C-alpha atoms as a PDB file:
ATOM      1  CA  MET A   1      28.776   4.632 -12.209  1.00  0.00           C
ATOM      2  CA  VAL A   2      26.392   5.149 -15.131  1.00  0.00           C
ATOM      3  CA  ILE A   3      24.456   2.323 -16.786  1.00  0.00           C
ATOM      4  CA  LYS A   4      24.010   3.347 -20.429  1.00  0.00           C
ATOM      5  CA  GLN A   5      20.738   2.454 -22.141  1.00  0.00           C
ATOM      6  CA  LYS A   6      21.441   1.120 -25.637  1.00  0.00           C
ATOM      7  CA  GLY A   7      18.433   1.579 -27.879  1.00  0.00           C
ATOM      8  CA  PRO A   8      14.739   1.770 -26.941  1.00  0.00           C
ATOM      9  CA  PHE A   9      13.222  -0.299 -24.164  1.00  0.00           C
ATOM     10  CA  LYS A  10      11.603  -3.556 -25.254  1.00  0.00           C
ATOM     11  CA  LEU A  11       8.022  -4.385 -24.355  1.00  0.00           C
ATOM     12  CA  GLY A  12       7.686  -5.856 -20.891  1.00  0.00           C
ATOM     13  CA  TYR A  13       9.975  -5.364 -17.921  1.00  0.00           C
ATOM     14  CA  ASN A  14      13.464  -4.009 -18.600  1.00  0.00           C
ATOM     15  CA  PRO A  15      15.729  -4.656 -15.580  1.00  0.00           C
ATOM     16  CA  ILE A  16      18.428  -2.078 -14.824  1.00  0.00           C
ATOM     17  CA  THR A  17      19.585  -3.032 -11.318  1.00  0.00           C
ATOM     18  CA  SER A  18      18.941  -6.162  -9.281  1.00  0.00           C
ATOM     19  CA  VAL A  19      18.684  -6.466  -5.509  1.00  0.00           C
ATOM     20  CA  ASP A  20      20.560  -9.772  -5.723  1.00  0.00           C
ATOM     21  CA  ASP A  21      23.341  -8.535  -8.014  1.00  0.00           C
ATOM     22  CA  THR A  22      26.614  -8.880  -6.104  1.00  0.00           C
ATOM     23  CA  ASN A  23      28.341  -6.480  -8.532  1.00  0.00           C
ATOM     24  CA  ASN A  24      26.584  -3.408  -7.138  1.00  0.00           C
ATOM     25  CA  ALA A  25      25.454  -2.290  -3.718  1.00  0.00           C
ATOM     26  CA  MET A  26      22.092  -0.749  -4.596  1.00  0.00           C
ATOM     27  CA  LYS A  27      20.090  -3.435  -2.712  1.00  0.00           C
ATOM     28  CA  THR A  28      17.184  -2.529  -5.009  1.00  0.00           C
ATOM     29  CA  ASP A  29      15.489  -3.902  -8.102  1.00  0.00           C
ATOM     30  CA  PHE A  30      14.970  -1.040 -10.527  1.00  0.00           C
ATOM     31  CA  GLY A  31      13.698  -1.215 -14.080  1.00  0.00           C
ATOM     32  CA  ILE A  32      11.294   0.164 -16.658  1.00  0.00           C
ATOM     33  CA  LEU A  33       8.022  -1.541 -17.557  1.00  0.00           C
ATOM     34  CA  LYS A  34       7.126  -0.777 -21.188  1.00  0.00           C
ATOM     35  CA  LEU A  35       3.608  -1.597 -22.385  1.00  0.00           C
ATOM     36  CA  GLU A  36       1.520  -1.029 -25.497  1.00  0.00           C
ATOM     37  CA  LYS A  37      -2.236  -0.494 -25.678  1.00  0.00           C
ATOM     38  CA  GLY A  38      -4.193  -3.516 -24.482  1.00  0.00           C
ATOM     39  CA  GLN A  39      -1.187  -5.213 -22.887  1.00  0.00           C
ATOM     40  CA  GLU A  40      -1.532  -6.460 -19.301  1.00  0.00           C
ATOM     41  CA  GLU A  41       1.143  -7.155 -16.718  1.00  0.00           C
ATOM     42  CA  VAL A  42       0.591  -8.979 -13.424  1.00  0.00           C
ATOM     43  CA  ILE A  43       3.189  -8.518 -10.695  1.00  0.00           C
ATOM     44  CA  PHE A  44       3.410 -10.541  -7.526  1.00  0.00           C
ATOM     45  CA  GLU A  45       6.426 -10.380  -5.230  1.00  0.00           C
ATOM     46  CA  GLU A  46       6.295 -12.692  -2.255  1.00  0.00           C
ATOM     47  CA  LYS A  47       9.134 -11.018  -0.321  1.00  0.00           C
ATOM     48  CA  LYS A  48       9.546  -7.559  -1.861  1.00  0.00           C
ATOM     49  CA  GLU A  49       7.650  -4.315  -1.555  1.00  0.00           C
ATOM     50  CA  CYS A  50       7.004  -2.626  -4.909  1.00  0.00           C
ATOM     51  CA  ALA A  51       6.617   0.963  -6.052  1.00  0.00           C
ATOM     52  CA  PHE A  52       5.247   1.741  -9.521  1.00  0.00           C
ATOM     53  CA  VAL A  53       5.716   5.309 -10.820  1.00  0.00           C
ATOM     54  CA  LEU A  54       3.845   6.207 -14.001  1.00  0.00           C
ATOM     55  CA  ILE A  55       6.228   8.140 -16.237  1.00  0.00           C
ATOM     56  CA  LEU A  56       4.100   8.290 -19.390  1.00  0.00           C
ATOM     57  CA  GLY A  57       0.862   6.896 -20.768  1.00  0.00           C
ATOM     58  CA  GLU A  58      -2.597   5.875 -19.623  1.00  0.00           C
ATOM     59  CA  VAL A  59      -3.025   2.781 -17.447  1.00  0.00           C
ATOM     60  CA  THR A  60      -5.320   1.047 -15.024  1.00  0.00           C
ATOM     61  CA  PHE A  61      -3.788  -0.178 -11.759  1.00  0.00           C
ATOM     62  CA  GLU A  62      -5.656  -2.940  -9.913  1.00  0.00           C
ATOM     63  CA  TRP A  63      -4.808  -4.309  -6.470  1.00  0.00           C
ATOM     64  CA  GLY A  64      -6.950  -5.949  -3.799  1.00  0.00           C
ATOM     65  CA  ASN A  65     -10.424  -4.469  -4.193  1.00  0.00           C
ATOM     66  CA  SER A  66      -9.063  -1.199  -5.573  1.00  0.00           C
ATOM     67  CA  LYS A  67      -8.728   0.160  -9.086  1.00  0.00           C
ATOM     68  CA  GLU A  68      -7.356   3.440 -10.473  1.00  0.00           C
ATOM     69  CA  THR A  69      -7.201   4.639 -14.071  1.00  0.00           C
ATOM     70  CA  VAL A  70      -4.751   7.491 -14.640  1.00  0.00           C
ATOM     71  CA  LYS A  71      -3.047   9.277 -17.517  1.00  0.00           C
ATOM     72  CA  ARG A  72       0.211  11.216 -17.775  1.00  0.00           C
ATOM     73  CA  ASN A  73       1.127  12.930 -21.037  1.00  0.00           C
ATOM     74  CA  SER A  74       4.286  14.702 -19.857  1.00  0.00           C
ATOM     75  CA  PHE A  75       6.846  13.830 -17.199  1.00  0.00           C
ATOM     76  CA  LEU A  76       7.826  17.521 -17.055  1.00  0.00           C
ATOM     77  CA  ASP A  77       4.473  19.298 -16.975  1.00  0.00           C
ATOM     78  CA  GLU A  78       2.318  16.754 -15.114  1.00  0.00           C
ATOM     79  CA  ASP A  79       2.775  15.202 -11.687  1.00  0.00           C
ATOM     80  CA  PRO A  80       3.420  11.492 -11.144  1.00  0.00           C
ATOM     81  CA  TYR A  81       1.111   8.766  -9.926  1.00  0.00           C
ATOM     82  CA  CYS A  82       2.596   6.028  -7.793  1.00  0.00           C
ATOM     83  CA  LEU A  83       1.262   2.746  -6.441  1.00  0.00           C
ATOM     84  CA  HIS A  84       3.173   1.393  -3.428  1.00  0.00           C
ATOM     85  CA  VAL A  85       2.352  -2.102  -2.180  1.00  0.00           C
ATOM     86  CA  PRO A  86       3.790  -4.500   0.414  1.00  0.00           C
ATOM     87  CA  ALA A  87       5.222  -7.929  -0.312  1.00  0.00           C
ATOM     88  CA  GLY A  88       2.522 -10.467  -1.148  1.00  0.00           C
ATOM     89  CA  GLU A  89       0.209  -7.959  -2.890  1.00  0.00           C
ATOM     90  CA  ARG A  90      -0.872  -8.847  -6.429  1.00  0.00           C
ATOM     91  CA  VAL A  91      -0.911  -5.921  -8.869  1.00  0.00           C
ATOM     92  CA  LYS A  92      -2.389  -5.898 -12.368  1.00  0.00           C
ATOM     93  CA  ILE A  93      -1.469  -3.119 -14.799  1.00  0.00           C
ATOM     94  CA  THR A  94      -3.396  -2.641 -18.053  1.00  0.00           C
ATOM     95  CA  ALA A  95      -2.148  -0.252 -20.738  1.00  0.00           C
ATOM     96  CA  LEU A  96      -4.841   1.952 -22.251  1.00  0.00           C
ATOM     97  CA  SER A  97      -2.432   3.730 -24.595  1.00  0.00           C
ATOM     98  CA  ASP A  98       0.731   2.953 -26.508  1.00  0.00           C
ATOM     99  CA  ASP A  99       4.194   3.840 -25.204  1.00  0.00           C
ATOM    100  CA  VAL A 100       3.350   3.353 -21.528  1.00  0.00           C
ATOM    101  CA  GLU A 101       6.404   3.634 -19.281  1.00  0.00           C
ATOM    102  CA  ILE A 102       6.409   2.775 -15.583  1.00  0.00           C
ATOM    103  CA  ALA A 103       9.422   2.849 -13.254  1.00  0.00           C
ATOM    104  CA  VAL A 104       9.432  -0.199 -10.982  1.00  0.00           C
ATOM    105  CA  SER A 105      11.369  -0.235  -7.689  1.00  0.00           C
ATOM    106  CA  ARG A 106      11.479  -3.265  -5.401  1.00  0.00           C
ATOM    107  CA  ALA A 107      13.231  -4.108  -2.136  1.00  0.00           C
ATOM    108  CA  TYR A 108      13.045  -6.911   0.387  1.00  0.00           C
ATOM    109  CA  ASN A 109      10.678  -5.967   3.203  1.00  0.00           C
ATOM    110  CA  ASP A 110       8.812  -8.286   5.568  1.00  0.00           C
ATOM    111  CA  ARG A 111       6.757  -5.487   7.164  1.00  0.00           C
ATOM    112  CA  LYS A 112       3.046  -5.488   6.435  1.00  0.00           C
ATOM    113  CA  PHE A 113       1.438  -2.195   5.459  1.00  0.00           C
ATOM    114  CA  ALA A 114      -1.618  -1.017   3.586  1.00  0.00           C
ATOM    115  CA  PRO A 115      -1.113  -0.358  -0.140  1.00  0.00           C
ATOM    116  CA  LYS A 116      -1.212   3.324  -1.049  1.00  0.00           C
ATOM    117  CA  PHE A 117      -1.938   5.042  -4.343  1.00  0.00           C
ATOM    118  CA  TYR A 118      -0.203   8.442  -4.448  1.00  0.00           C
ATOM    119  CA  THR A 119      -1.405  11.513  -6.321  1.00  0.00           C
ATOM    120  CA  ASN A 120      -0.077  15.065  -6.033  1.00  0.00           C
ATOM    121  CA  LYS A 121      -2.398  15.568  -3.045  1.00  0.00           C
ATOM    122  CA  ASP A 122      -0.363  13.043  -1.079  1.00  0.00           C
ATOM    123  CA  TYR A 123       3.277  14.087  -1.523  1.00  0.00           C
ATOM    124  CA  ARG A 124       5.584  17.092  -1.212  1.00  0.00           C
ATOM    125  CA  ILE A 125       6.343  19.303  -4.193  1.00  0.00           C
ATOM    126  CA  GLU A 126       9.116  21.806  -3.463  1.00  0.00           C
ATOM    127  CA  LYS A 127      11.120  24.283  -5.500  1.00  0.00           C
ATOM    128  CA  PHE A 128      14.797  24.149  -4.536  1.00  0.00           C
ATOM    129  CA  GLY A 129      17.416  26.759  -5.379  1.00  0.00           C
ATOM    130  CA  ASP A 130      14.898  29.522  -6.058  1.00  0.00           C
ATOM    131  CA  GLY A 131      16.365  32.987  -5.505  1.00  0.00           C
ATOM    132  CA  VAL A 132      19.820  31.769  -4.427  1.00  0.00           C
ATOM    133  CA  LEU A 133      23.140  31.507  -6.301  1.00  0.00           C
ATOM    134  CA  GLY A 134      21.628  33.344  -9.240  1.00  0.00           C
ATOM    135  CA  ASN A 135      19.030  30.567  -9.669  1.00  0.00           C
ATOM    136  CA  THR A 136      21.798  28.344 -11.071  1.00  0.00           C
ATOM    137  CA  SER A 137      20.470  25.312  -9.171  1.00  0.00           C
ATOM    138  CA  LEU A 138      16.745  25.910  -9.652  1.00  0.00           C
ATOM    139  CA  ARG A 139      14.783  22.640  -9.775  1.00  0.00           C
ATOM    140  CA  ILE A 140      11.510  21.054  -8.674  1.00  0.00           C
ATOM    141  CA  CYS A 141      11.615  18.172  -6.201  1.00  0.00           C
ATOM    142  CA  LYS A 142       8.643  15.805  -5.830  1.00  0.00           C
ATOM    143  CA  THR A 143       9.127  13.484  -2.848  1.00  0.00           C
ATOM    144  CA  ILE A 144       6.488  10.810  -3.333  1.00  0.00           C
ATOM    145  CA  PHE A 145       7.301   9.015  -0.074  1.00  0.00           C
ATOM    146  CA  ASP A 146      10.206   8.902   2.357  1.00  0.00           C
ATOM    147  CA  TYR A 147      10.877   7.954   5.973  1.00  0.00           C
ATOM    148  CA  THR A 148       8.764  10.835   7.310  1.00  0.00           C
ATOM    149  CA  THR A 149       5.644   9.638   5.480  1.00  0.00           C
ATOM    150  CA  ALA A 150       6.274   5.880   5.085  1.00  0.00           C
ATOM    151  CA  ASP A 151       8.583   4.676   7.843  1.00  0.00           C
ATOM    152  CA  TYR A 152       7.444   1.112   7.169  1.00  0.00           C
ATOM    153  CA  SER A 153       9.115   1.157   3.742  1.00  0.00           C
ATOM    154  CA  ASN A 154      12.707   0.316   2.864  1.00  0.00           C
ATOM    155  CA  LEU A 155      12.591   2.784  -0.031  1.00  0.00           C
ATOM    156  CA  VAL A 156      12.458   6.498  -0.766  1.00  0.00           C
ATOM    157  CA  VAL A 157      10.979   7.441  -4.156  1.00  0.00           C
ATOM    158  CA  GLY A 158      10.743  10.818  -5.836  1.00  0.00           C
ATOM    159  CA  GLU A 159      11.259  12.864  -8.992  1.00  0.00           C
ATOM    160  CA  ILE A 160      13.390  15.883  -9.890  1.00  0.00           C
ATOM    161  CA  ILE A 161      12.858  18.317 -12.754  1.00  0.00           C
ATOM    162  CA  SER A 162      15.907  20.443 -13.584  1.00  0.00           C
ATOM    163  CA  TYR A 163      15.553  23.558 -15.709  1.00  0.00           C
ATOM    164  CA  PRO A 164      17.801  23.785 -18.796  1.00  0.00           C
ATOM    165  CA  GLY A 165      21.382  24.695 -17.935  1.00  0.00           C
ATOM    166  CA  LYS A 166      20.813  24.308 -14.181  1.00  0.00           C
ATOM    167  CA  TRP A 167      22.415  22.165 -11.487  1.00  0.00           C
ATOM    168  CA  SER A 168      20.573  19.649  -9.338  1.00  0.00           C
ATOM    169  CA  SER A 169      21.354  17.591  -6.216  1.00  0.00           C
ATOM    170  CA  TYR A 170      23.278  20.685  -5.272  1.00  0.00           C
ATOM    171  CA  PRO A 171      25.427  21.540  -3.338  1.00  0.00           C
ATOM    172  CA  PRO A 172      27.288  18.217  -3.725  1.00  0.00           C
ATOM    173  CA  HIS A 173      26.339  15.808  -0.951  1.00  0.00           C
ATOM    174  CA  ASP A 174      26.471  12.217   0.177  1.00  0.00           C
ATOM    175  CA  HIS A 175      24.645   9.872   2.538  1.00  0.00           C
ATOM    176  CA  ALA A 176      25.136   6.416   3.992  1.00  0.00           C
ATOM    177  CA  GLN A 177      22.429   4.870   1.814  1.00  0.00           C
ATOM    178  CA  PRO A 178      22.797   3.885  -1.884  1.00  0.00           C
ATOM    179  CA  GLU A 179      20.790   5.776  -4.499  1.00  0.00           C
ATOM    180  CA  ILE A 180      19.600   5.395  -8.085  1.00  0.00           C
ATOM    181  CA  TYR A 181      18.960   8.177 -10.629  1.00  0.00           C
ATOM    182  CA  PHE A 182      17.025   7.344 -13.805  1.00  0.00           C
ATOM    183  CA  PHE A 183      17.295  10.159 -16.368  1.00  0.00           C
ATOM    184  CA  LYS A 184      15.143  11.541 -19.154  1.00  0.00           C
ATOM    185  CA  PHE A 185      15.734  14.679 -21.224  1.00  0.00           C
ATOM    186  CA  TYR A 186      13.527  16.974 -23.240  1.00  0.00           C
ATOM    187  CA  PRO A 187      14.184  17.078 -26.133  1.00  0.00           C
ATOM    188  CA  GLU A 188      15.435  13.498 -26.089  1.00  0.00           C
ATOM    189  CA  GLN A 189      18.806  14.284 -27.710  1.00  0.00           C
ATOM    190  CA  GLY A 190      19.677  16.278 -24.593  1.00  0.00           C
ATOM    191  CA  PHE A 191      22.428  15.441 -22.150  1.00  0.00           C
ATOM    192  CA  GLY A 192      23.895  16.302 -18.789  1.00  0.00           C
ATOM    193  CA  TYR A 193      26.700  15.345 -16.442  1.00  0.00           C
ATOM    194  CA  THR A 194      26.645  13.578 -13.116  1.00  0.00           C
ATOM    195  CA  GLU A 195      29.344  13.717 -10.466  1.00  0.00           C
ATOM    196  CA  TYR A 196      30.358  10.524  -8.669  1.00  0.00           C
ATOM    197  CA  GLY A 197      33.045  11.562  -6.208  1.00  0.00           C
ATOM    198  CA  GLU A 198      35.899  12.814  -8.396  1.00  0.00           C
ATOM    199  CA  GLU A 199      34.483  11.004 -11.434  1.00  0.00           C
ATOM    200  CA  VAL A 200      32.207  12.797 -13.917  1.00  0.00           C
ATOM    201  CA  ASN A 201      29.997  10.959 -16.422  1.00  0.00           C
ATOM    202  CA  LYS A 202      27.897  12.127 -19.338  1.00  0.00           C
ATOM    203  CA  VAL A 203      24.260  11.037 -19.097  1.00  0.00           C
ATOM    204  CA  ARG A 204      21.650  10.856 -21.838  1.00  0.00           C
ATOM    205  CA  HIS A 205      17.980   9.955 -22.204  1.00  0.00           C
ATOM    206  CA  ASN A 206      17.133   6.722 -20.316  1.00  0.00           C
ATOM    207  CA  ASP A 207      20.560   6.353 -18.667  1.00  0.00           C
ATOM    208  CA  THR A 208      20.790   5.361 -15.001  1.00  0.00           C
ATOM    209  CA  ALA A 209      23.335   6.451 -12.382  1.00  0.00           C
ATOM    210  CA  VAL A 210      23.979   4.104  -9.456  1.00  0.00           C
ATOM    211  CA  ILE A 211      25.462   5.929  -6.484  1.00  0.00           C
ATOM    212  CA  ASP A 212      27.142   3.956  -3.741  1.00  0.00           C
ATOM    213  CA  LYS A 213      26.910   4.945  -0.094  1.00  0.00           C
ATOM    214  CA  GLU A 214      28.992   7.887   1.100  1.00  0.00           C
ATOM    215  CA  VAL A 215      29.951   8.978  -2.436  1.00  0.00           C
ATOM    216  CA  THR A 216      29.514  12.688  -3.196  1.00  0.00           C
ATOM    217  CA  HIS A 217      27.115  13.375  -6.059  1.00  0.00           C
ATOM    218  CA  SER A 218      25.399  16.171  -7.990  1.00  0.00           C
ATOM    219  CA  THR A 219      24.165  16.686 -11.560  1.00  0.00           C
ATOM    220  CA  VAL A 220      23.866  19.382 -14.224  1.00  0.00           C
ATOM    221  CA  THR A 221      21.926  19.575 -17.481  1.00  0.00           C
ATOM    222  CA  ALA A 222      23.061  21.247 -20.685  1.00  0.00           C
ATOM    223  CA  PRO A 223      21.537  24.588 -21.758  1.00  0.00           C
ATOM    224  CA  GLY A 224      18.445  24.064 -23.891  1.00  0.00           C
ATOM    225  CA  TYR A 225      17.602  20.691 -22.363  1.00  0.00           C
ATOM    226  CA  ALA A 226      15.296  20.027 -19.421  1.00  0.00           C
ATOM    227  CA  MET A 227      16.392  17.094 -17.278  1.00  0.00           C
ATOM    228  CA  TYR A 228      14.069  14.758 -15.382  1.00  0.00           C
ATOM    229  CA  TYR A 229      15.106  11.959 -13.113  1.00  0.00           C
ATOM    230  CA  ILE A 230      13.549   9.501 -10.720  1.00  0.00           C
ATOM    231  CA  TRP A 231      15.526   9.087  -7.511  1.00  0.00           C
ATOM    232  CA  VAL A 232      15.299   5.971  -5.381  1.00  0.00           C
ATOM    233  CA  ILE A 233      17.125   5.564  -2.067  1.00  0.00           C
ATOM    234  CA  ARG A 234      17.403   2.275  -0.209  1.00  0.00           C
ATOM    235  CA  HIS A 235      17.196   2.576   3.581  1.00  0.00           C
ATOM    236  CA  LEU A 236      19.783   0.502   5.430  1.00  0.00           C
ATOM    237  CA  GLU A 237      18.908  -1.662   8.409  1.00  0.00           C
ATOM    238  CA  ASN A 238      18.656   0.568  11.503  1.00  0.00           C
ATOM    239  CA  ASN A 239      19.913   3.469   9.372  1.00  0.00           C
ATOM    240  CA  PRO A 240      17.135   5.033   7.266  1.00  0.00           C
ATOM    241  CA  TRP A 241      17.806   7.953   4.962  1.00  0.00           C
ATOM    242  CA  THR A 242      16.594  11.203   6.504  1.00  0.00           C
ATOM    243  CA  THR A 243      19.013  13.911   5.361  1.00  0.00           C
ATOM    244  CA  ARG A 244      21.853  14.880   3.019  1.00  0.00           C
ATOM    245  CA  ASN A 245      25.438  15.454   4.148  1.00  0.00           C
ATOM    246  CA  PHE A 246      26.642  18.440   2.152  1.00  0.00           C
ATOM    247  CA  ALA A 247      30.330  18.650   1.255  1.00  0.00           C
ATOM    248  CA  PRO A 248      31.779  20.913   3.994  1.00  0.00           C
ATOM    249  CA  GLU A 249      33.714  23.152   1.588  1.00  0.00           C
ATOM    250  CA  HIS A 250      30.428  24.103  -0.090  1.00  0.00           C
ATOM    251  CA  LEU A 251      28.323  24.712   3.014  1.00  0.00           C
ATOM    252  CA  TRP A 252      28.759  28.487   2.692  1.00  0.00           C
ATOM    253  CA  MET A 253      26.282  28.372  -0.207  1.00  0.00           C
ATOM    254  CA  LEU A 254      23.499  27.435   2.200  1.00  0.00           C
ATOM    255  CA  GLU A 255      23.983  30.520   4.341  1.00  0.00           C
ATOM    256  CA  LYS A 256      21.267  33.137   4.172  1.00  0.00           C
ATOM    257  CA  ASP A 257      22.032  35.846   1.595  1.00  0.00           C
ATOM    258  CA  ALA A 258      25.170  34.061   0.354  1.00  0.00           C
ATOM    259  CA  LYS A 259      26.785  36.179  -2.370  1.00  0.00           C
ATOM    260  CA  ILE A 260      28.572  34.961  -5.488  1.00  0.00           C
ATOM    261  CA  TRP A 261      30.666  36.771  -8.082  1.00  0.00           C
ATOM    262  CA  PRO A 262      30.115  39.327  -9.515  1.00  0.00           C
ATOM    263  CA  ASP A 263      27.925  40.499  -6.644  1.00  0.00           C
ATOM    264  CA  LYS A 264      30.376  39.355  -3.960  1.00  0.00           C
END
């Protein structure tokens, strides 16, 4: 299912999914925090861990005795910053520029862990699809944290950058855990399509796809338009996300030196 964004985000927090919403199974709060220069936002969640990914703008994050001022001018050409804190940690965010956008993900978690501020020195940046299938699924994957690096968390958070006209989340796959994709396009009038089982939906700038457990999914962006999306997976109790289950009929694509027409 795709949640369509109608018009620009308002200042403040813009909720997209809710952990307590019985109409979806995402088990995650997800939304966009929009701030203008000089605006401050204080977040305190007594029972939820929080992850804040800077999409655009210059901000100061403050938590505990720590403080970081960071700037991101492009979600395509510059790497993300992310603050991840446990439940009960007060966070203050101050906008130092206009048009600040921050993706906020929250999930119930009673584990205690040390807050962590992520830069590109702390997470994996990988190029997927390079040199295979005619580069038709070439994309950049930035896994900010997952079960291998933060097994105390109930979330996985990352970003994908898809080159114009290319596929992503490919080959089609599923997993037992629900997932959220939040999309942006460059230029903003761009569009793409996302697969949800046998259903296909058009996605535009600031739309969100919510993907239920065990539903096959993949995405593609139109020629001329670069596609960016934040992906958030919610671990299930005693069943954390660790891998993708590729659709069996497409597994041949993962074989070494797989050939496609017209070379095949």
